[in-house]
Amino acid sequence: MPSRHIVLVGAPLDCGKARKGCLMGPDAYRIAGISRALTDLGHEVSDLGNLSPDSNDIPEREGLVNLSETIGWTTALMRTAQEAMQQGLPIFLGGDHALSLGTVPGVAAHAAQEGRPQFVLWLDAHSDFNTLETTTSGNLHGTPLAYATGQSGFDGFPDLPAIVPPGQTCIIGLRSVDLPERALMEQTDVRGYDMRAIDESGVAALLMPFLEDVAKAGGALHVSLDVDFLDPTHAPAVGTTVPGGATVREAHLVMELLCDSGLMTSLDLVELNPMLDERGRTAHLMVDLAASALGRRIFDRPTPRLM
């Protein structure tokens, strides 16, 4: 693929849920060699370092986890995402999936300025389609897709600079969806495919029609890759494990198809909890997947010699 300017943005947020550890994710990706993997493919890589959340005086709300801090991260990431899009293709290194409360609206605002429709591919075991009113856990990492698509029930969050229509979103890998999320999704035209759909049809058959729609519309494509899209036997470093996820080969196929399409304009890597990893293998796998999306092929990687 053509050489790109890749902008790494660290977002060590750990506020979207009660279990801690994702704040170490950005540095784990760096240690796993994400910059080297991308420069080896001919891309220019710049690293903006780790962001901090904006300060605010928003009061906490009973039943919601870390509302004020999450909104602080949302405003910081929304602004930074819009700026990073002007520099190249940003990769947002999380951090939990509350990261996308800011990244998706930010990149959508940039697309709107360019007169392009924004599409979102959500690779996740969860739909993350709760609102502040429907969440039973209070964990706000389960809300970003509902927020970005303009659903109501986000009092206190900033007004969206641009809304991603639900019909321009596609979720692949679903294995855990709350009943309120399902009810809300059924009121929209969001595309959601569970693992049975992958088993029956294959992941390429689900993804390609969506990519064709992006291409026909001349759209920008944001990809949000959650560690728990993968089966936990392959990627254990996540606090929201759900058995029966995508295999390593299925995940690489998704990334290779994205690369072939040339449509991806921004990427989230989220929910990596290094405290739960096994000698860094999840971090390395996520780096490998990012490299596949940006041009690596099987013959580009020599087989490591066993010691």
C-alpha atoms as a PDB file:
ATOM      1  CA  MET A   1       0.000   0.000   0.000  1.00  0.00           C
ATOM      2  CA  PRO A   2       1.150   3.633  -0.415  1.00  0.00           C
ATOM      3  CA  SER A   3       3.284   5.116   2.330  1.00  0.00           C
ATOM      4  CA  ARG A   4       1.260   6.971   4.961  1.00  0.00           C
ATOM      5  CA  HIS A   5       2.011   9.363   7.770  1.00  0.00           C
ATOM      6  CA  ILE A   6       0.891   7.486  10.896  1.00  0.00           C
ATOM      7  CA  VAL A   7       0.214   9.531  14.023  1.00  0.00           C
ATOM      8  CA  LEU A   8       0.329   7.595  17.295  1.00  0.00           C
ATOM      9  CA  VAL A   9      -1.791   9.083  20.089  1.00  0.00           C
ATOM     10  CA  GLY A  10      -1.538   7.565  23.556  1.00  0.00           C
ATOM     11  CA  ALA A  11      -4.722   7.683  25.617  1.00  0.00           C
ATOM     12  CA  PRO A  12      -4.048   6.000  28.996  1.00  0.00           C
ATOM     13  CA  LEU A  13      -7.609   6.281  30.220  1.00  0.00           C
ATOM     14  CA  ASP A  14      -8.815   3.726  32.719  1.00  0.00           C
ATOM     15  CA  CYS A  15     -12.044   5.379  33.788  1.00  0.00           C
ATOM     16  CA  GLY A  16     -14.596   3.550  31.666  1.00  0.00           C
ATOM     17  CA  LYS A  17     -14.891   0.620  34.046  1.00  0.00           C
ATOM     18  CA  ALA A  18     -14.067  -0.449  37.581  1.00  0.00           C
ATOM     19  CA  ARG A  19     -11.230  -2.887  36.800  1.00  0.00           C
ATOM     20  CA  LYS A  20      -7.905  -1.120  36.371  1.00  0.00           C
ATOM     21  CA  GLY A  21      -4.887  -1.775  34.165  1.00  0.00           C
ATOM     22  CA  CYS A  22      -5.717  -0.331  30.729  1.00  0.00           C
ATOM     23  CA  LEU A  23      -3.851   2.891  31.499  1.00  0.00           C
ATOM     24  CA  MET A  24      -0.661   0.905  30.804  1.00  0.00           C
ATOM     25  CA  GLY A  25      -1.890  -0.056  27.340  1.00  0.00           C
ATOM     26  CA  PRO A  26      -0.291   2.765  25.288  1.00  0.00           C
ATOM     27  CA  ASP A  27       3.190   2.063  26.604  1.00  0.00           C
ATOM     28  CA  ALA A  28       2.686  -1.687  26.134  1.00  0.00           C
ATOM     29  CA  TYR A  29       2.004  -1.096  22.432  1.00  0.00           C
ATOM     30  CA  ARG A  30       5.152   0.987  22.204  1.00  0.00           C
ATOM     31  CA  ILE A  31       7.219  -1.675  23.946  1.00  0.00           C
ATOM     32  CA  ALA A  32       5.723  -4.285  21.587  1.00  0.00           C
ATOM     33  CA  GLY A  33       7.218  -2.298  18.708  1.00  0.00           C
ATOM     34  CA  ILE A  34       4.281  -0.619  16.987  1.00  0.00           C
ATOM     35  CA  SER A  35       6.407   2.233  15.663  1.00  0.00           C
ATOM     36  CA  ARG A  36       9.064  -0.097  14.246  1.00  0.00           C
ATOM     37  CA  ALA A  37       6.456  -2.413  12.729  1.00  0.00           C
ATOM     38  CA  LEU A  38       4.951   0.487  10.790  1.00  0.00           C
ATOM     39  CA  THR A  39       8.203   2.142   9.739  1.00  0.00           C
ATOM     40  CA  ASP A  40       9.393  -1.240   8.451  1.00  0.00           C
ATOM     41  CA  LEU A  41       6.407  -1.101   6.096  1.00  0.00           C
ATOM     42  CA  GLY A  42       7.609   2.217   4.707  1.00  0.00           C
ATOM     43  CA  HIS A  43       5.322   4.499   6.681  1.00  0.00           C
ATOM     44  CA  GLU A  44       6.411   7.662   8.425  1.00  0.00           C
ATOM     45  CA  VAL A  45       5.477   7.481  12.112  1.00  0.00           C
ATOM     46  CA  SER A  46       5.215  10.292  14.635  1.00  0.00           C
ATOM     47  CA  ASP A  47       4.232   9.771  18.268  1.00  0.00           C
ATOM     48  CA  LEU A  48       2.355  12.530  20.069  1.00  0.00           C
ATOM     49  CA  GLY A  49       2.932  10.851  23.431  1.00  0.00           C
ATOM     50  CA  ASN A  50       0.232  10.319  26.034  1.00  0.00           C
ATOM     51  CA  LEU A  51      -2.687  12.697  26.447  1.00  0.00           C
ATOM     52  CA  SER A  52      -4.285  13.843  29.685  1.00  0.00           C
ATOM     53  CA  PRO A  53      -7.996  14.466  30.272  1.00  0.00           C
ATOM     54  CA  ASP A  54      -9.436  17.967  30.311  1.00  0.00           C
ATOM     55  CA  SER A  55     -10.471  19.305  33.688  1.00  0.00           C
ATOM     56  CA  ASN A  56     -14.123  20.069  34.359  1.00  0.00           C
ATOM     57  CA  ASP A  57     -16.505  20.665  37.241  1.00  0.00           C
ATOM     58  CA  ILE A  58     -19.089  18.073  36.224  1.00  0.00           C
ATOM     59  CA  PRO A  59     -20.446  16.313  39.321  1.00  0.00           C
ATOM     60  CA  GLU A  60     -20.385  12.560  39.642  1.00  0.00           C
ATOM     61  CA  ARG A  61     -23.686  10.790  39.219  1.00  0.00           C
ATOM     62  CA  GLU A  62     -24.880   7.850  41.275  1.00  0.00           C
ATOM     63  CA  GLY A  63     -24.757   4.607  39.321  1.00  0.00           C
ATOM     64  CA  LEU A  64     -22.156   5.837  36.815  1.00  0.00           C
ATOM     65  CA  VAL A  65     -18.438   5.093  37.096  1.00  0.00           C
ATOM     66  CA  ASN A  66     -16.058   8.068  36.808  1.00  0.00           C
ATOM     67  CA  LEU A  67     -18.437  10.313  34.857  1.00  0.00           C
ATOM     68  CA  SER A  68     -16.423  13.526  35.258  1.00  0.00           C
ATOM     69  CA  GLU A  69     -13.092  11.979  34.248  1.00  0.00           C
ATOM     70  CA  THR A  70     -14.673  10.187  31.298  1.00  0.00           C
ATOM     71  CA  ILE A  71     -16.124  13.441  29.993  1.00  0.00           C
ATOM     72  CA  GLY A  72     -12.706  15.047  30.471  1.00  0.00           C
ATOM     73  CA  TRP A  73     -11.133  12.378  28.300  1.00  0.00           C
ATOM     74  CA  THR A  74     -13.950  12.713  25.768  1.00  0.00           C
ATOM     75  CA  THR A  75     -13.387  16.421  25.188  1.00  0.00           C
ATOM     76  CA  ALA A  76      -9.594  16.013  25.057  1.00  0.00           C
ATOM     77  CA  LEU A  77      -9.754  13.139  22.592  1.00  0.00           C
ATOM     78  CA  MET A  78     -12.433  14.751  20.457  1.00  0.00           C
ATOM     79  CA  ARG A  79     -10.219  17.788  19.962  1.00  0.00           C
ATOM     80  CA  THR A  80      -7.007  15.789  19.465  1.00  0.00           C
ATOM     81  CA  ALA A  81      -8.618  13.358  17.016  1.00  0.00           C
ATOM     82  CA  GLN A  82      -9.812  16.186  14.833  1.00  0.00           C
ATOM     83  CA  GLU A  83      -6.332  17.732  14.855  1.00  0.00           C
ATOM     84  CA  ALA A  84      -4.540  14.419  14.254  1.00  0.00           C
ATOM     85  CA  MET A  85      -6.662  13.721  11.181  1.00  0.00           C
ATOM     86  CA  GLN A  86      -5.141  16.806   9.578  1.00  0.00           C
ATOM     87  CA  GLN A  87      -1.673  15.281   9.984  1.00  0.00           C
ATOM     88  CA  GLY A  88      -2.242  11.764   8.671  1.00  0.00           C
ATOM     89  CA  LEU A  89      -3.762   8.483   9.790  1.00  0.00           C
ATOM     90  CA  PRO A  90      -4.065   8.465  13.586  1.00  0.00           C
ATOM     91  CA  ILE A  91      -3.834   5.318  15.679  1.00  0.00           C
ATOM     92  CA  PHE A  92      -5.278   5.873  19.133  1.00  0.00           C
ATOM     93  CA  LEU A  93      -3.541   3.659  21.674  1.00  0.00           C
ATOM     94  CA  GLY A  94      -5.856   2.846  24.562  1.00  0.00           C
ATOM     95  CA  GLY A  95      -6.884   2.754  27.230  1.00  0.00           C
ATOM     96  CA  ASP A  96     -10.349   1.291  27.610  1.00  0.00           C
ATOM     97  CA  HIS A  97     -13.113   1.659  25.035  1.00  0.00           C
ATOM     98  CA  ALA A  98     -14.409   4.877  26.604  1.00  0.00           C
ATOM     99  CA  LEU A  99     -11.626   6.293  24.414  1.00  0.00           C
ATOM    100  CA  SER A 100     -14.015   6.100  21.460  1.00  0.00           C
ATOM    101  CA  LEU A 101     -16.432   8.533  23.085  1.00  0.00           C
ATOM    102  CA  GLY A 102     -13.917  11.129  21.897  1.00  0.00           C
ATOM    103  CA  THR A 103     -12.146   9.606  18.921  1.00  0.00           C
ATOM    104  CA  VAL A 104     -15.184   8.740  16.811  1.00  0.00           C
ATOM    105  CA  PRO A 105     -16.890  12.160  17.067  1.00  0.00           C
ATOM    106  CA  GLY A 106     -13.501  13.826  16.519  1.00  0.00           C
ATOM    107  CA  VAL A 107     -12.714  11.998  13.289  1.00  0.00           C
ATOM    108  CA  ALA A 108     -16.340  12.421  12.184  1.00  0.00           C
ATOM    109  CA  ALA A 109     -16.010  16.184  12.631  1.00  0.00           C
ATOM    110  CA  HIS A 110     -12.971  16.159  10.355  1.00  0.00           C
ATOM    111  CA  ALA A 111     -14.828  14.093   7.745  1.00  0.00           C
ATOM    112  CA  ALA A 112     -17.745  16.536   7.869  1.00  0.00           C
ATOM    113  CA  GLN A 113     -15.349  19.430   7.232  1.00  0.00           C
ATOM    114  CA  GLU A 114     -14.103  17.583   4.156  1.00  0.00           C
ATOM    115  CA  GLY A 115     -17.642  16.858   2.995  1.00  0.00           C
ATOM    116  CA  ARG A 116     -17.219  13.100   3.435  1.00  0.00           C
ATOM    117  CA  PRO A 117     -19.543  10.685   5.250  1.00  0.00           C
ATOM    118  CA  GLN A 118     -17.997   8.966   8.272  1.00  0.00           C
ATOM    119  CA  PHE A 119     -18.300   5.189   8.605  1.00  0.00           C
ATOM    120  CA  VAL A 120     -17.316   3.109  11.642  1.00  0.00           C
ATOM    121  CA  LEU A 121     -16.276  -0.555  11.816  1.00  0.00           C
ATOM    122  CA  TRP A 122     -16.588  -1.840  15.403  1.00  0.00           C
ATOM    123  CA  LEU A 123     -14.674  -5.072  16.054  1.00  0.00           C
ATOM    124  CA  ASP A 124     -15.863  -6.130  19.479  1.00  0.00           C
ATOM    125  CA  ALA A 125     -17.569  -8.809  21.536  1.00  0.00           C
ATOM    126  CA  HIS A 126     -19.891  -6.071  22.818  1.00  0.00           C
ATOM    127  CA  SER A 127     -22.066  -3.597  20.966  1.00  0.00           C
ATOM    128  CA  ASP A 128     -21.226  -0.703  23.350  1.00  0.00           C
ATOM    129  CA  PHE A 129     -24.674   0.687  22.577  1.00  0.00           C
ATOM    130  CA  ASN A 130     -25.770   1.549  26.104  1.00  0.00           C
ATOM    131  CA  THR A 131     -26.562   5.097  27.181  1.00  0.00           C
ATOM    132  CA  LEU A 132     -26.182   6.688  30.594  1.00  0.00           C
ATOM    133  CA  GLU A 133     -29.820   5.777  31.169  1.00  0.00           C
ATOM    134  CA  THR A 134     -29.697   2.136  30.080  1.00  0.00           C
ATOM    135  CA  THR A 135     -26.365   0.962  31.509  1.00  0.00           C
ATOM    136  CA  THR A 136     -26.809  -1.358  34.465  1.00  0.00           C
ATOM    137  CA  SER A 137     -23.111  -1.588  35.325  1.00  0.00           C
ATOM    138  CA  GLY A 138     -22.385   2.138  35.102  1.00  0.00           C
ATOM    139  CA  ASN A 139     -19.240   1.325  33.095  1.00  0.00           C
ATOM    140  CA  LEU A 140     -19.030   3.983  30.407  1.00  0.00           C
ATOM    141  CA  HIS A 141     -16.773   1.951  28.119  1.00  0.00           C
ATOM    142  CA  GLY A 142     -20.049   0.301  27.105  1.00  0.00           C
ATOM    143  CA  THR A 143     -21.563   3.515  25.717  1.00  0.00           C
ATOM    144  CA  PRO A 144     -19.429   5.044  22.927  1.00  0.00           C
ATOM    145  CA  LEU A 145     -21.218   3.724  19.858  1.00  0.00           C
ATOM    146  CA  ALA A 146     -24.591   4.895  21.145  1.00  0.00           C
ATOM    147  CA  TYR A 147     -23.121   8.339  21.837  1.00  0.00           C
ATOM    148  CA  ALA A 148     -21.355   8.653  18.487  1.00  0.00           C
ATOM    149  CA  THR A 149     -24.523   7.702  16.584  1.00  0.00           C
ATOM    150  CA  GLY A 150     -26.503  10.438  18.308  1.00  0.00           C
ATOM    151  CA  GLN A 151     -28.666   8.428  20.679  1.00  0.00           C
ATOM    152  CA  SER A 152     -30.284  10.380  23.521  1.00  0.00           C
ATOM    153  CA  GLY A 153     -29.393   9.863  27.175  1.00  0.00           C
ATOM    154  CA  PHE A 154     -25.971  11.530  27.422  1.00  0.00           C
ATOM    155  CA  ASP A 155     -26.669  14.539  29.639  1.00  0.00           C
ATOM    156  CA  GLY A 156     -23.427  16.257  30.608  1.00  0.00           C
ATOM    157  CA  PHE A 157     -21.472  15.077  27.575  1.00  0.00           C
ATOM    158  CA  PRO A 158     -20.483  17.647  24.950  1.00  0.00           C
ATOM    159  CA  ASP A 159     -22.697  18.211  21.955  1.00  0.00           C
ATOM    160  CA  LEU A 160     -21.507  16.112  19.051  1.00  0.00           C
ATOM    161  CA  PRO A 161     -19.646  18.076  16.370  1.00  0.00           C
ATOM    162  CA  ALA A 162     -20.825  15.457  13.868  1.00  0.00           C
ATOM    163  CA  ILE A 163     -23.059  12.406  14.179  1.00  0.00           C
ATOM    164  CA  VAL A 164     -22.290   9.057  12.591  1.00  0.00           C
ATOM    165  CA  PRO A 165     -25.612   7.689  11.278  1.00  0.00           C
ATOM    166  CA  PRO A 166     -26.281   4.212  12.678  1.00  0.00           C
ATOM    167  CA  GLY A 167     -26.588   2.841   9.146  1.00  0.00           C
ATOM    168  CA  GLN A 168     -22.958   3.812   8.573  1.00  0.00           C
ATOM    169  CA  THR A 169     -21.748   1.603  11.413  1.00  0.00           C
ATOM    170  CA  CYS A 170     -20.979  -2.114  11.365  1.00  0.00           C
ATOM    171  CA  ILE A 171     -20.289  -4.278  14.421  1.00  0.00           C
ATOM    172  CA  ILE A 172     -18.580  -7.631  13.894  1.00  0.00           C
ATOM    173  CA  GLY A 173     -17.825 -10.243  16.561  1.00  0.00           C
ATOM    174  CA  LEU A 174     -20.793  -9.805  18.902  1.00  0.00           C
ATOM    175  CA  ARG A 175     -21.088 -12.263  21.761  1.00  0.00           C
ATOM    176  CA  SER A 176     -22.434 -10.204  24.661  1.00  0.00           C
ATOM    177  CA  VAL A 177     -25.229  -7.645  24.231  1.00  0.00           C
ATOM    178  CA  ASP A 178     -27.341  -6.281  27.093  1.00  0.00           C
ATOM    179  CA  LEU A 179     -31.120  -6.385  26.589  1.00  0.00           C
ATOM    180  CA  PRO A 180     -31.474  -2.565  26.666  1.00  0.00           C
ATOM    181  CA  GLU A 181     -28.693  -2.292  24.078  1.00  0.00           C
ATOM    182  CA  ARG A 182     -30.431  -4.812  21.850  1.00  0.00           C
ATOM    183  CA  ALA A 183     -33.729  -2.942  22.124  1.00  0.00           C
ATOM    184  CA  LEU A 184     -32.041   0.345  21.211  1.00  0.00           C
ATOM    185  CA  MET A 185     -30.117  -1.202  18.323  1.00  0.00           C
ATOM    186  CA  GLU A 186     -33.304  -2.698  16.922  1.00  0.00           C
ATOM    187  CA  GLN A 187     -34.709   0.818  16.620  1.00  0.00           C
ATOM    188  CA  THR A 188     -31.842   1.760  14.311  1.00  0.00           C
ATOM    189  CA  ASP A 189     -30.305   0.387  11.127  1.00  0.00           C
ATOM    190  CA  VAL A 190     -26.892  -0.334  12.668  1.00  0.00           C
ATOM    191  CA  ARG A 191     -25.413  -3.532  11.221  1.00  0.00           C
ATOM    192  CA  GLY A 192     -24.522  -6.077  13.884  1.00  0.00           C
ATOM    193  CA  TYR A 193     -23.030  -9.521  13.241  1.00  0.00           C
ATOM    194  CA  ASP A 194     -22.468 -12.076  15.962  1.00  0.00           C
ATOM    195  CA  MET A 195     -20.082 -15.010  15.935  1.00  0.00           C
ATOM    196  CA  ARG A 196     -22.754 -17.312  14.545  1.00  0.00           C
ATOM    197  CA  ALA A 197     -22.913 -15.101  11.468  1.00  0.00           C
ATOM    198  CA  ILE A 198     -19.135 -15.438  11.128  1.00  0.00           C
ATOM    199  CA  ASP A 199     -19.385 -19.211  11.572  1.00  0.00           C
ATOM    200  CA  GLU A 200     -22.124 -19.522   8.950  1.00  0.00           C
ATOM    201  CA  SER A 201     -20.971 -17.011   6.339  1.00  0.00           C
ATOM    202  CA  GLY A 202     -17.310 -16.234   7.030  1.00  0.00           C
ATOM    203  CA  VAL A 203     -16.023 -12.860   8.103  1.00  0.00           C
ATOM    204  CA  ALA A 204     -15.179 -11.706   4.569  1.00  0.00           C
ATOM    205  CA  ALA A 205     -18.783 -12.131   3.400  1.00  0.00           C
ATOM    206  CA  LEU A 206     -19.944  -9.899   6.262  1.00  0.00           C
ATOM    207  CA  LEU A 207     -17.289  -7.234   5.891  1.00  0.00           C
ATOM    208  CA  MET A 208     -17.065  -6.779   2.119  1.00  0.00           C
ATOM    209  CA  PRO A 209     -20.592  -5.364   1.518  1.00  0.00           C
ATOM    210  CA  PHE A 210     -19.922  -2.763   4.217  1.00  0.00           C
ATOM    211  CA  LEU A 211     -16.593  -1.798   2.657  1.00  0.00           C
ATOM    212  CA  GLU A 212     -18.289  -1.537  -0.728  1.00  0.00           C
ATOM    213  CA  ASP A 213     -20.789   0.916   0.753  1.00  0.00           C
ATOM    214  CA  VAL A 214     -17.958   2.997   2.218  1.00  0.00           C
ATOM    215  CA  ALA A 215     -16.220   3.072  -1.145  1.00  0.00           C
ATOM    216  CA  LYS A 216     -19.375   3.987  -3.086  1.00  0.00           C
ATOM    217  CA  ALA A 217     -20.049   6.873  -0.698  1.00  0.00           C
ATOM    218  CA  GLY A 218     -16.465   8.134  -0.818  1.00  0.00           C
ATOM    219  CA  GLY A 219     -16.484   7.788   2.949  1.00  0.00           C
ATOM    220  CA  ALA A 220     -13.900   7.956   5.696  1.00  0.00           C
ATOM    221  CA  LEU A 221     -13.592   4.753   7.720  1.00  0.00           C
ATOM    222  CA  HIS A 222     -12.753   4.625  11.411  1.00  0.00           C
ATOM    223  CA  VAL A 223     -11.904   1.156  12.751  1.00  0.00           C
ATOM    224  CA  SER A 224     -12.220   0.451  16.467  1.00  0.00           C
ATOM    225  CA  LEU A 225     -10.490  -2.791  17.454  1.00  0.00           C
ATOM    226  CA  ASP A 226     -11.212  -4.120  20.940  1.00  0.00           C
ATOM    227  CA  VAL A 227      -8.965  -6.869  22.320  1.00  0.00           C
ATOM    228  CA  ASP A 228     -12.064  -8.893  23.178  1.00  0.00           C
ATOM    229  CA  PHE A 229     -12.960  -9.176  19.496  1.00  0.00           C
ATOM    230  CA  LEU A 230     -10.423 -11.981  19.658  1.00  0.00           C
ATOM    231  CA  ASP A 231     -10.948 -15.212  21.506  1.00  0.00           C
ATOM    232  CA  PRO A 232      -9.348 -14.956  24.966  1.00  0.00           C
ATOM    233  CA  THR A 233      -7.247 -18.061  24.311  1.00  0.00           C
ATOM    234  CA  HIS A 234      -5.345 -15.926  21.787  1.00  0.00           C
ATOM    235  CA  ALA A 235      -5.617 -12.556  23.539  1.00  0.00           C
ATOM    236  CA  PRO A 236      -5.934 -12.942  27.331  1.00  0.00           C
ATOM    237  CA  ALA A 237      -5.036  -9.365  28.274  1.00  0.00           C
ATOM    238  CA  VAL A 238      -8.556  -7.994  28.605  1.00  0.00           C
ATOM    239  CA  GLY A 239     -10.854  -7.628  31.581  1.00  0.00           C
ATOM    240  CA  THR A 240     -14.034  -8.370  29.592  1.00  0.00           C
ATOM    241  CA  THR A 241     -13.282 -11.836  28.272  1.00  0.00           C
ATOM    242  CA  VAL A 242     -16.064 -13.587  26.374  1.00  0.00           C
ATOM    243  CA  PRO A 243     -15.290 -17.091  25.041  1.00  0.00           C
ATOM    244  CA  GLY A 244     -15.836 -17.955  21.401  1.00  0.00           C
ATOM    245  CA  GLY A 245     -14.265 -14.940  19.740  1.00  0.00           C
ATOM    246  CA  ALA A 246     -12.464 -14.442  16.460  1.00  0.00           C
ATOM    247  CA  THR A 247      -9.439 -16.559  15.690  1.00  0.00           C
ATOM    248  CA  VAL A 248      -6.085 -14.992  14.915  1.00  0.00           C
ATOM    249  CA  ARG A 249      -6.533 -15.886  11.246  1.00  0.00           C
ATOM    250  CA  GLU A 250     -10.038 -14.330  11.091  1.00  0.00           C
ATOM    251  CA  ALA A 251      -8.739 -11.142  12.694  1.00  0.00           C
ATOM    252  CA  HIS A 252      -5.826 -10.917  10.271  1.00  0.00           C
ATOM    253  CA  LEU A 253      -8.187 -11.480   7.350  1.00  0.00           C
ATOM    254  CA  VAL A 254     -10.294  -8.512   8.477  1.00  0.00           C
ATOM    255  CA  MET A 255      -7.185  -6.356   8.650  1.00  0.00           C
ATOM    256  CA  GLU A 256      -5.863  -7.537   5.290  1.00  0.00           C
ATOM    257  CA  LEU A 257      -9.214  -6.790   3.657  1.00  0.00           C
ATOM    258  CA  LEU A 258      -9.114  -3.326   5.194  1.00  0.00           C
ATOM    259  CA  CYS A 259      -5.646  -2.855   3.755  1.00  0.00           C
ATOM    260  CA  ASP A 260      -6.749  -4.064   0.319  1.00  0.00           C
ATOM    261  CA  SER A 261      -9.643  -1.607   0.349  1.00  0.00           C
ATOM    262  CA  GLY A 262      -7.455   1.379   1.183  1.00  0.00           C
ATOM    263  CA  LEU A 263     -10.416   2.865   3.047  1.00  0.00           C
ATOM    264  CA  MET A 264      -9.252   3.017   6.668  1.00  0.00           C
ATOM    265  CA  THR A 265      -8.566   6.584   7.788  1.00  0.00           C
ATOM    266  CA  SER A 266      -8.182   6.103  11.570  1.00  0.00           C
ATOM    267  CA  LEU A 267      -7.827   3.283  14.089  1.00  0.00           C
ATOM    268  CA  ASP A 268      -8.493   2.610  17.785  1.00  0.00           C
ATOM    269  CA  LEU A 269      -6.614  -0.128  19.653  1.00  0.00           C
ATOM    270  CA  VAL A 270      -8.448  -0.539  22.953  1.00  0.00           C
ATOM    271  CA  GLU A 271      -8.965  -2.572  26.140  1.00  0.00           C
ATOM    272  CA  LEU A 272      -5.422  -3.947  26.395  1.00  0.00           C
ATOM    273  CA  ASN A 273      -4.724  -4.619  30.076  1.00  0.00           C
ATOM    274  CA  PRO A 274      -1.038  -5.568  30.374  1.00  0.00           C
ATOM    275  CA  MET A 275      -1.591  -6.797  33.937  1.00  0.00           C
ATOM    276  CA  LEU A 276      -3.565  -9.690  32.457  1.00  0.00           C
ATOM    277  CA  ASP A 277      -1.199 -10.472  29.585  1.00  0.00           C
ATOM    278  CA  GLU A 278       1.126 -13.450  29.204  1.00  0.00           C
ATOM    279  CA  ARG A 279       4.646 -12.228  28.376  1.00  0.00           C
ATOM    280  CA  GLY A 280       3.220  -9.505  26.179  1.00  0.00           C
ATOM    281  CA  ARG A 281       1.625 -11.789  23.618  1.00  0.00           C
ATOM    282  CA  THR A 282      -1.645  -9.853  23.399  1.00  0.00           C
ATOM    283  CA  ALA A 283       0.170  -6.560  22.877  1.00  0.00           C
ATOM    284  CA  HIS A 284       2.301  -8.135  20.140  1.00  0.00           C
ATOM    285  CA  LEU A 285      -0.786  -9.626  18.471  1.00  0.00           C
ATOM    286  CA  MET A 286      -2.553  -6.266  18.430  1.00  0.00           C
ATOM    287  CA  VAL A 287       0.550  -4.664  16.917  1.00  0.00           C
ATOM    288  CA  ASP A 288       0.638  -7.429  14.291  1.00  0.00           C
ATOM    289  CA  LEU A 289      -3.013  -6.745  13.447  1.00  0.00           C
ATOM    290  CA  ALA A 290      -2.362  -3.034  13.064  1.00  0.00           C
ATOM    291  CA  ALA A 291       0.553  -3.875  10.767  1.00  0.00           C
ATOM    292  CA  SER A 292      -1.711  -6.141   8.676  1.00  0.00           C
ATOM    293  CA  ALA A 293      -4.165  -3.277   8.251  1.00  0.00           C
ATOM    294  CA  LEU A 294      -1.325  -1.093   7.010  1.00  0.00           C
ATOM    295  CA  GLY A 295       0.358  -3.367   4.517  1.00  0.00           C
ATOM    296  CA  ARG A 296       2.101  -6.324   6.130  1.00  0.00           C
ATOM    297  CA  ARG A 297       1.645  -9.632   4.365  1.00  0.00           C
ATOM    298  CA  ILE A 298       2.554 -13.147   5.408  1.00  0.00           C
ATOM    299  CA  PHE A 299       5.740 -13.170   3.360  1.00  0.00           C
ATOM    300  CA  ASP A 300       6.835  -9.927   5.037  1.00  0.00           C
ATOM    301  CA  ARG A 301       7.356 -11.643   8.362  1.00  0.00           C
ATOM    302  CA  PRO A 302      10.014 -14.334   8.797  1.00  0.00           C
ATOM    303  CA  THR A 303       9.247 -17.275  11.024  1.00  0.00           C
ATOM    304  CA  PRO A 304      11.006 -16.696  14.378  1.00  0.00           C
ATOM    305  CA  ARG A 305      13.624 -19.287  15.244  1.00  0.00           C
ATOM    306  CA  LEU A 306      12.710 -21.355  18.263  1.00  0.00           C
ATOM    307  CA  MET A 307      15.224 -21.204  21.079  1.00  0.00           C
END
